[in-house]
Amino acid sequence: MTPFQQALIAASEGKLQTPTVGTASGNINYFGYQLAVHKYNLGIMAAGMKCRGITFTQIKKYYGFKGRTAKDCLPQMEQLLTNYKAALNN
């Protein structure tokens, strides 16, 4: 089980308190926000640039991605984000 999956379970059981993410249109889901930001970071890394404050290895380990480069892991992130959105709508 990946650290991301563990965090989802802990939050659903009330063992992990997630911060509130506010936008102009209201509050949004913290894990959805986290996925969107990490997808953005991974996209930048796949283009060959570095991101401040986070590394490719940290993202890879947190989500349990397989691959050597950010380009290899980007499709996995997109699939994870799609699955997460579908799970929220159900």
C-alpha atoms as a PDB file:
ATOM      1  CA  MET A   1       0.000   0.000   0.000  1.00  0.00           C
ATOM      2  CA  THR A   2       1.418   3.378  -0.998  1.00  0.00           C
ATOM      3  CA  PRO A   3       1.703   6.339   1.373  1.00  0.00           C
ATOM      4  CA  PHE A   4      -1.013   8.084  -0.681  1.00  0.00           C
ATOM      5  CA  GLN A   5      -3.417   5.185  -0.165  1.00  0.00           C
ATOM      6  CA  GLN A   6      -2.549   5.083   3.534  1.00  0.00           C
ATOM      7  CA  ALA A   7      -3.299   8.810   3.829  1.00  0.00           C
ATOM      8  CA  LEU A   8      -6.672   8.368   2.089  1.00  0.00           C
ATOM      9  CA  ILE A   9      -7.632   5.583   4.478  1.00  0.00           C
ATOM     10  CA  ALA A  10      -6.410   7.461   7.550  1.00  0.00           C
ATOM     11  CA  ALA A  11      -8.382  10.554   6.514  1.00  0.00           C
ATOM     12  CA  SER A  12     -11.548   8.528   5.923  1.00  0.00           C
ATOM     13  CA  GLU A  13     -11.180   6.898   9.355  1.00  0.00           C
ATOM     14  CA  GLY A  14     -10.633  10.272  11.011  1.00  0.00           C
ATOM     15  CA  LYS A  15      -7.051   9.495  12.020  1.00  0.00           C
ATOM     16  CA  LEU A  16      -5.596  12.146   9.703  1.00  0.00           C
ATOM     17  CA  GLN A  17      -6.878  15.683   9.668  1.00  0.00           C
ATOM     18  CA  THR A  18      -6.358  17.261   6.261  1.00  0.00           C
ATOM     19  CA  PRO A  19      -5.999  21.012   5.797  1.00  0.00           C
ATOM     20  CA  THR A  20      -8.765  23.070   4.255  1.00  0.00           C
ATOM     21  CA  VAL A  21      -8.052  24.218   0.710  1.00  0.00           C
ATOM     22  CA  GLY A  22     -10.055  27.294  -0.134  1.00  0.00           C
ATOM     23  CA  THR A  23     -10.624  28.804  -3.554  1.00  0.00           C
ATOM     24  CA  ALA A  24     -12.706  31.689  -4.840  1.00  0.00           C
ATOM     25  CA  SER A  25     -15.551  29.248  -5.531  1.00  0.00           C
ATOM     26  CA  GLY A  26     -15.352  27.562  -2.109  1.00  0.00           C
ATOM     27  CA  ASN A  27     -13.449  24.770  -0.424  1.00  0.00           C
ATOM     28  CA  ILE A  28     -12.127  21.851  -2.459  1.00  0.00           C
ATOM     29  CA  ASN A  29     -11.014  18.340  -1.604  1.00  0.00           C
ATOM     30  CA  TYR A  30      -7.464  18.297  -0.218  1.00  0.00           C
ATOM     31  CA  PHE A  31      -6.383  15.084  -1.947  1.00  0.00           C
ATOM     32  CA  GLY A  32      -7.758  16.277  -5.277  1.00  0.00           C
ATOM     33  CA  TYR A  33      -5.758  19.475  -4.872  1.00  0.00           C
ATOM     34  CA  GLN A  34      -2.657  17.490  -3.941  1.00  0.00           C
ATOM     35  CA  LEU A  35      -3.031  15.274  -7.016  1.00  0.00           C
ATOM     36  CA  ALA A  36      -3.462  18.300  -9.284  1.00  0.00           C
ATOM     37  CA  VAL A  37      -0.368  20.026  -7.908  1.00  0.00           C
ATOM     38  CA  HIS A  38       1.746  16.880  -8.158  1.00  0.00           C
ATOM     39  CA  LYS A  39       0.528  16.267 -11.721  1.00  0.00           C
ATOM     40  CA  TYR A  40       1.610  19.810 -12.570  1.00  0.00           C
ATOM     41  CA  ASN A  41       5.013  19.230 -10.953  1.00  0.00           C
ATOM     42  CA  LEU A  42       5.443  15.914 -12.740  1.00  0.00           C
ATOM     43  CA  GLY A  43       4.584  17.569 -16.063  1.00  0.00           C
ATOM     44  CA  ILE A  44       7.279  20.172 -15.497  1.00  0.00           C
ATOM     45  CA  MET A  45       9.766  17.454 -14.577  1.00  0.00           C
ATOM     46  CA  ALA A  46       8.795  15.469 -17.691  1.00  0.00           C
ATOM     47  CA  ALA A  47       9.680  18.549 -19.756  1.00  0.00           C
ATOM     48  CA  GLY A  48      13.172  18.463 -18.269  1.00  0.00           C
ATOM     49  CA  MET A  49      12.859  21.200 -15.663  1.00  0.00           C
ATOM     50  CA  LYS A  50      13.187  21.080 -11.895  1.00  0.00           C
ATOM     51  CA  CYS A  51      10.563  22.022  -9.339  1.00  0.00           C
ATOM     52  CA  ARG A  52      11.312  23.841  -6.157  1.00  0.00           C
ATOM     53  CA  GLY A  53      10.371  22.069  -2.949  1.00  0.00           C
ATOM     54  CA  ILE A  54       9.711  18.588  -4.323  1.00  0.00           C
ATOM     55  CA  THR A  55      11.675  15.966  -6.202  1.00  0.00           C
ATOM     56  CA  PHE A  56      10.706  13.323  -8.706  1.00  0.00           C
ATOM     57  CA  THR A  57      11.740  10.596  -6.269  1.00  0.00           C
ATOM     58  CA  GLN A  58       9.411  11.948  -3.577  1.00  0.00           C
ATOM     59  CA  ILE A  59       6.420  11.949  -5.929  1.00  0.00           C
ATOM     60  CA  LYS A  60       7.320   8.519  -7.280  1.00  0.00           C
ATOM     61  CA  LYS A  61       7.574   6.962  -3.812  1.00  0.00           C
ATOM     62  CA  TYR A  62       4.436   8.678  -2.465  1.00  0.00           C
ATOM     63  CA  TYR A  63       2.205   7.347  -5.241  1.00  0.00           C
ATOM     64  CA  GLY A  64       4.094   4.100  -5.894  1.00  0.00           C
ATOM     65  CA  PHE A  65       4.814   4.824  -9.550  1.00  0.00           C
ATOM     66  CA  LYS A  66       7.024   2.573 -11.646  1.00  0.00           C
ATOM     67  CA  GLY A  67       9.465   4.050 -14.134  1.00  0.00           C
ATOM     68  CA  ARG A  68      12.837   5.714 -14.392  1.00  0.00           C
ATOM     69  CA  THR A  69      11.805   9.173 -15.546  1.00  0.00           C
ATOM     70  CA  ALA A  70       9.010  11.657 -15.031  1.00  0.00           C
ATOM     71  CA  LYS A  71       7.888  10.991 -18.612  1.00  0.00           C
ATOM     72  CA  ASP A  72       7.416   7.317 -17.693  1.00  0.00           C
ATOM     73  CA  CYS A  73       5.357   8.173 -14.622  1.00  0.00           C
ATOM     74  CA  LEU A  74       3.197  10.964 -16.068  1.00  0.00           C
ATOM     75  CA  PRO A  75       0.647   8.580 -17.676  1.00  0.00           C
ATOM     76  CA  GLN A  76       0.360   6.755 -14.343  1.00  0.00           C
ATOM     77  CA  MET A  77      -0.382  10.069 -12.609  1.00  0.00           C
ATOM     78  CA  GLU A  78      -3.016  10.945 -15.203  1.00  0.00           C
ATOM     79  CA  GLN A  79      -4.670   7.547 -14.705  1.00  0.00           C
ATOM     80  CA  LEU A  80      -4.593   7.962 -10.925  1.00  0.00           C
ATOM     81  CA  LEU A  81      -6.176  11.412 -11.201  1.00  0.00           C
ATOM     82  CA  THR A  82      -8.894  10.070 -13.528  1.00  0.00           C
ATOM     83  CA  ASN A  83      -9.652   7.204 -11.151  1.00  0.00           C
ATOM     84  CA  TYR A  84      -9.757   9.549  -8.171  1.00  0.00           C
ATOM     85  CA  LYS A  85     -12.203  11.896  -9.911  1.00  0.00           C
ATOM     86  CA  ALA A  86     -14.408   8.942 -10.850  1.00  0.00           C
ATOM     87  CA  ALA A  87     -14.375   7.680  -7.259  1.00  0.00           C
ATOM     88  CA  LEU A  88     -15.449  11.110  -5.984  1.00  0.00           C
ATOM     89  CA  ASN A  89     -18.393  11.230  -8.384  1.00  0.00           C
ATOM     90  CA  ASN A  90     -19.723   7.847  -7.236  1.00  0.00           C
END
